[in-house]
Protein backbone atom coordinates (compact mmCIF):
# COMPACT_ATOMS: atom_id res chain seq x y z
CA UNK A 1 9.25 69.19 -27.08
CA UNK A 2 11.35 66.69 -25.99
CA UNK A 3 12.37 65.28 -29.48
CA UNK A 4 14.31 61.75 -30.21
CA UNK A 5 14.99 60.00 -26.81
CA UNK A 6 17.42 57.07 -26.25
CA UNK A 7 16.20 56.90 -22.65
CA UNK A 8 12.71 56.41 -21.17
CA UNK A 9 11.32 60.17 -21.21
CA UNK A 10 7.92 60.81 -19.64
CA UNK A 11 5.36 61.74 -22.29
CA UNK A 12 2.18 62.87 -19.66
CA UNK A 13 1.62 59.27 -18.22
CA UNK A 14 3.19 57.10 -20.68
CA UNK A 15 6.85 56.36 -20.81
CA UNK A 16 8.70 56.37 -24.18
CA UNK A 17 12.17 56.07 -26.09
CA UNK A 18 11.67 57.49 -29.38
CA UNK A 19 14.32 56.43 -31.61
CA UNK A 20 15.33 56.86 -35.43
CA UNK A 21 15.22 54.01 -37.80
CA UNK A 22 16.98 55.57 -41.03
CA UNK A 23 16.27 58.74 -42.11
CA UNK A 24 12.69 58.31 -42.32
CA UNK A 25 11.10 56.41 -39.71
CA UNK A 26 10.81 56.60 -35.82
CA UNK A 27 10.52 54.00 -33.76
CA UNK A 28 8.20 54.59 -30.43
CA UNK A 29 9.57 51.83 -27.54
CA UNK A 30 6.86 51.78 -24.81
CA UNK A 31 8.69 48.50 -22.50
CA UNK A 32 11.49 46.51 -22.29
CA UNK A 33 9.21 43.25 -21.46
CA UNK A 34 6.86 41.17 -23.52
CA UNK A 35 3.56 41.33 -21.73
CA UNK A 36 -0.29 42.48 -21.76
CA UNK A 37 0.14 45.88 -20.17
CA UNK A 38 2.88 46.84 -22.86
CA UNK A 39 1.12 45.56 -25.54
CA UNK A 40 -2.53 47.67 -24.82
CA UNK A 41 0.47 51.01 -24.55
CA UNK A 42 1.18 49.45 -28.03
CA UNK A 43 -2.60 48.48 -29.38
CA UNK A 44 -3.54 52.18 -27.93
CA UNK A 45 -0.98 53.88 -29.63
CA UNK A 46 -1.53 52.19 -33.24
CA UNK A 47 -5.28 52.68 -32.67
CA UNK A 48 -4.29 56.71 -31.99
CA UNK A 49 -2.69 57.13 -35.02
CA UNK A 50 -5.16 55.41 -37.64
CA UNK A 51 -7.16 58.61 -36.33
CA UNK A 52 -4.83 60.92 -35.89
CA UNK A 53 -2.35 61.08 -39.34
CA UNK A 54 0.10 64.11 -40.01
CA UNK A 55 1.32 64.79 -43.50
CA UNK A 56 3.95 62.88 -45.04
CA UNK A 57 2.88 60.04 -42.35
CA UNK A 58 3.08 56.31 -44.49
CA UNK A 59 2.28 53.67 -42.33
CA UNK A 60 2.50 52.66 -38.80
CA UNK A 61 3.84 48.64 -37.81
CA UNK A 62 2.77 47.66 -34.32
CA UNK A 63 5.46 45.15 -32.79
CA UNK A 64 5.60 43.57 -29.23
CA UNK A 65 7.52 46.62 -27.39
CA UNK A 66 7.26 49.38 -30.29
CA UNK A 67 5.08 51.46 -32.64
CA UNK A 68 7.23 52.28 -35.53
CA UNK A 69 6.18 55.39 -37.99
CA UNK A 70 7.16 55.31 -41.03
CA UNK A 71 6.83 58.72 -43.37
CA UNK A 72 8.04 60.69 -46.30
CA UNK A 73 10.69 63.52 -45.07
CA UNK A 74 9.77 66.46 -47.65
CA UNK A 75 6.33 65.85 -46.89
CA UNK A 76 7.05 65.81 -42.99
CA UNK A 77 8.96 69.11 -43.15
CA UNK A 78 6.02 70.51 -45.61
CA UNK A 79 3.47 70.13 -43.41
CA UNK A 80 5.18 69.78 -39.72
CA UNK A 81 7.44 72.72 -40.14
CA UNK A 82 5.30 74.99 -40.68
CA UNK A 83 2.50 74.51 -38.30
CA UNK A 84 1.91 77.28 -36.44
CA UNK A 85 2.58 77.85 -32.57
CA UNK A 86 -1.24 77.01 -31.79
CA UNK A 87 -1.41 73.87 -34.03
CA UNK A 88 1.49 72.40 -32.16
CA UNK A 89 -0.53 73.58 -28.62
CA UNK A 90 -3.56 71.61 -30.33
CA UNK A 91 -1.77 68.32 -32.73
CA UNK A 92 -5.20 67.88 -33.43
CA UNK A 93 -5.92 70.18 -35.69
CA UNK A 94 -5.18 70.42 -39.60
CA UNK A 95 -1.79 71.72 -40.40
CA UNK A 96 -1.34 74.35 -42.92
CA UNK A 97 1.59 73.92 -44.58
CA UNK A 98 1.73 77.83 -45.76
CA UNK A 99 1.50 78.86 -42.35
CA UNK A 100 4.30 80.03 -39.82
CA UNK A 101 7.07 78.21 -39.07
CA UNK A 102 7.95 75.38 -36.56
CA UNK A 103 8.60 77.44 -33.06
CA UNK A 104 11.03 75.17 -31.97
CA UNK A 105 12.76 76.42 -35.58
CA UNK A 106 14.18 72.90 -36.25
CA UNK A 107 14.35 71.70 -40.12
CA UNK A 108 15.20 67.57 -39.34
CA UNK A 109 12.30 66.04 -40.52
CA UNK A 110 13.34 62.98 -37.96
CA UNK A 111 12.99 65.46 -34.75
CA UNK A 112 9.50 67.22 -36.19
CA UNK A 113 8.22 63.56 -36.29
CA UNK A 114 9.54 62.74 -32.94
CA UNK A 115 7.88 66.26 -31.47
CA UNK A 116 4.51 65.27 -32.85
CA UNK A 117 4.83 61.74 -31.75
CA UNK A 118 5.53 63.05 -28.25
CA UNK A 119 2.28 65.47 -28.30
CA UNK A 120 0.36 62.10 -29.39
CA UNK A 121 1.36 59.91 -26.59
CA UNK A 122 0.86 62.65 -23.79
CA UNK A 123 -2.44 62.49 -25.15
CA UNK A 124 -2.63 58.16 -25.00
CA UNK A 125 -4.02 58.20 -21.07
CA UNK A 126 -7.12 60.08 -22.16
CA UNK A 127 -7.77 58.16 -25.59
CA UNK A 128 -10.45 55.99 -26.28
CA UNK A 129 -9.77 52.59 -27.31
CA UNK A 130 -11.90 49.95 -28.99
CA UNK A 131 -12.75 46.76 -28.17
CA UNK A 132 -10.75 43.53 -29.17
CA UNK A 133 -11.75 41.67 -31.71
CA UNK A 134 -12.80 38.10 -31.26
CA UNK A 135 -11.80 35.86 -34.26
CA UNK A 136 -12.41 31.76 -34.02
CA UNK A 137 -10.36 29.50 -35.75
CA UNK A 138 -11.37 25.89 -36.70
CA UNK A 139 -8.59 23.88 -36.30
CA UNK A 140 -8.46 19.70 -36.99
CA UNK A 141 -5.61 18.56 -34.75
CA UNK A 142 -2.96 15.64 -35.21
CA UNK A 143 -2.78 13.22 -37.86
CA UNK A 144 -1.31 14.06 -40.91
CA UNK A 145 -1.87 17.58 -40.04
CA UNK A 146 -0.72 17.88 -36.93
CA UNK A 147 2.52 15.26 -37.26
CA UNK A 148 4.31 16.96 -33.89
CA UNK A 149 1.11 16.10 -31.39
CA UNK A 150 2.21 13.11 -30.20
CA UNK A 151 6.30 14.48 -29.84
CA UNK A 152 4.38 17.50 -28.53
CA UNK A 153 2.14 15.23 -26.01
CA UNK A 154 5.12 13.02 -24.90
CA UNK A 155 6.98 15.81 -23.96
CA UNK A 156 4.73 17.02 -21.14
CA UNK A 157 3.40 13.42 -19.99
CA UNK A 158 0.30 14.04 -21.61
CA UNK A 159 -2.04 12.79 -24.10
CA UNK A 160 -2.72 13.82 -27.75
CA UNK A 161 -6.36 15.08 -26.75
CA UNK A 162 -4.97 16.73 -23.54
CA UNK A 163 -2.78 19.32 -25.37
CA UNK A 164 -5.51 19.50 -27.89
CA UNK A 165 -7.89 20.82 -24.80
CA UNK A 166 -5.46 22.82 -23.65
CA UNK A 167 -4.39 24.37 -26.37
CA UNK A 168 -8.06 25.14 -27.23
CA UNK A 169 -8.91 26.15 -23.73
CA UNK A 170 -7.38 29.51 -23.90
CA UNK A 171 -7.79 33.33 -25.57
CA UNK A 172 -4.41 34.06 -27.49
CA UNK A 173 -3.91 37.39 -27.65
CA UNK A 174 -2.43 39.08 -30.93
CA UNK A 175 1.06 40.99 -30.61
CA UNK A 176 2.04 41.42 -34.06
CA UNK A 177 2.02 40.45 -37.42
CA UNK A 178 5.61 39.71 -39.12
CA UNK A 179 7.65 36.46 -40.39
CA UNK A 180 5.30 36.03 -43.57
CA UNK A 181 2.07 38.25 -44.71
CA UNK A 182 -0.78 37.62 -42.05
CA UNK A 183 1.57 35.41 -40.11
CA UNK A 184 0.20 36.23 -36.44
CA UNK A 185 2.27 35.85 -33.13
CA UNK A 186 -0.22 34.70 -30.51
CA UNK A 187 0.85 34.90 -27.12
CA UNK A 188 -1.15 33.36 -23.92
CA UNK A 189 -0.10 29.77 -24.82
CA UNK A 190 -0.41 27.90 -21.50
CA UNK A 191 3.15 26.53 -20.10
CA UNK A 192 1.66 23.06 -19.51
CA UNK A 193 2.10 22.52 -23.62
CA UNK A 194 4.87 25.34 -24.21
CA UNK A 195 7.39 23.39 -26.48
CA UNK A 196 11.11 25.06 -27.66
CA UNK A 197 11.31 25.00 -31.69
CA UNK A 198 12.25 21.91 -33.52
CA UNK A 199 15.93 21.19 -34.17
CA UNK A 200 15.34 21.20 -37.92
CA UNK A 201 13.08 23.36 -38.97
CA UNK A 202 10.82 21.89 -42.27
CA UNK A 203 11.66 23.14 -45.54
CA UNK A 204 7.88 23.38 -46.45
CA UNK A 205 4.89 23.58 -44.34
CA UNK A 206 1.14 23.96 -45.83
CA UNK A 207 -1.18 26.98 -46.01
CA UNK A 208 -3.32 26.84 -42.43
CA UNK A 209 -0.64 24.44 -40.14
CA UNK A 210 -1.38 25.68 -36.62
CA UNK A 211 2.25 25.28 -34.31
CA UNK A 212 3.76 25.97 -31.29
CA UNK A 213 7.12 27.65 -30.81
CA UNK A 214 7.81 28.22 -26.98
CA UNK A 215 5.01 29.68 -25.25
CA UNK A 216 3.56 31.30 -28.30
CA UNK A 217 1.39 29.57 -31.22
CA UNK A 218 0.47 30.82 -34.31
CA UNK A 219 -0.89 29.89 -38.04
CA UNK A 220 1.39 29.68 -41.12
CA UNK A 221 -0.87 31.80 -43.61
CA UNK A 222 1.04 30.58 -46.68
CA UNK A 223 3.42 27.76 -47.41
CA UNK A 224 6.91 27.95 -46.00
CA UNK A 225 9.65 26.86 -44.15
CA UNK A 226 9.36 26.64 -40.66
CA UNK A 227 10.59 25.33 -37.45
CA UNK A 228 7.50 25.47 -34.91
CA UNK A 229 6.15 22.10 -33.55
CA UNK A 230 3.10 21.13 -35.94
CA UNK A 231 -0.21 20.51 -33.84
CA UNK A 232 -2.88 21.07 -36.62
CA UNK A 233 -4.45 22.76 -39.59
CA UNK A 234 -7.32 25.33 -40.29
CA UNK A 235 -9.36 25.09 -43.42
CA UNK A 236 -9.83 29.27 -42.68
CA UNK A 237 -7.60 31.11 -45.27
CA UNK A 238 -5.58 33.92 -42.76
CA UNK A 239 -4.08 35.82 -46.08
CA UNK A 240 -5.62 36.60 -49.22
CA UNK A 241 -3.90 39.09 -51.14
CA UNK A 242 -6.87 39.92 -53.08
CA UNK A 243 -9.02 40.85 -50.03
CA UNK A 244 -9.32 44.22 -48.28
CA UNK A 245 -8.10 43.92 -45.89
CA UNK A 246 -5.96 41.05 -47.08
CA UNK A 247 -4.90 39.40 -43.56
CA UNK A 248 -7.62 37.55 -41.24
CA UNK A 249 -6.16 38.85 -37.54
CA UNK A 250 -4.71 42.28 -36.85
CA UNK A 251 -2.74 43.30 -33.92
CA UNK A 252 -4.71 43.55 -30.36
CA UNK A 253 -7.44 40.58 -31.62
CA UNK A 254 -8.34 37.90 -29.66
CA UNK A 255 -7.78 34.60 -30.77
CA UNK A 256 -9.89 31.22 -29.55
CA UNK A 257 -8.99 27.62 -31.45
CA UNK A 258 -11.92 25.26 -31.72
CA UNK A 259 -11.16 21.52 -32.50
CA UNK A 260 -12.75 20.59 -35.39
CA UNK A 261 -13.42 16.67 -37.25
CA UNK A 262 -11.41 15.75 -39.73
CA UNK A 263 -14.74 15.18 -41.66
CA UNK A 264 -15.56 19.29 -41.22
CA UNK A 265 -11.80 20.13 -41.75
CA UNK A 266 -12.40 17.82 -45.53
CA UNK A 267 -16.11 19.79 -46.03
CA UNK A 268 -14.81 23.14 -45.29
CA UNK A 269 -11.74 22.91 -47.72
CA UNK A 270 -13.99 21.68 -50.60
CA UNK A 271 -16.16 24.48 -50.19
CA UNK A 272 -13.60 27.01 -50.32
CA UNK A 273 -12.60 24.91 -53.65
């Protein structure tokens, strides 16, 4: 049992740090640099946790470099603290809450969860990984729907049409959701159009607006303040609170943008009512 660790520890073929986040969450840090390889590990662990949950586990939250696991301490203690020695050797087995005590003797839920996570990390090398979903998002670029497109084009010595073609030419990886419900941070923006955030944020940006900030791009799922460079808008809803799931995208997805005309944008908007 390796428990919580402030430095990177080898769990089989995986290096990770297991850090406490309060008394009811553990963050599994899988790297220091935002890159595809680290994100593949993040996605692999998230998919594994989706299939393997421990008693008291509430949710897992994947991010750029880590996955944070939230749990109810007493339920985790009751479930993981009473696993038999055989259970610890085989974490896929269902723990018997009335079974024998944890062979480590720990009564600390954080330590028990960290030990369990370490066991899961050691199994990731052989864990199945699903093929990423590919989602196409139609975008009407420029004009009143993308008021910063001329400024972005001028900053890079490109025409507006060249910016559109470059933006729509890439496959974007959803690294994480955050900031607002359904807001996906998309990596993979071509450096030719990477543009800093605006110096003065806008107080309100309409839902569906497509923006650029640094070397990332994203779509505002709801009306919110923001400082990204706005280059277009999609009629596709990214957040529907009454739907299951409520968000169009999830971490690990691949996004492709497809330019559409203003006529198609208006037609799609009208069809949605």
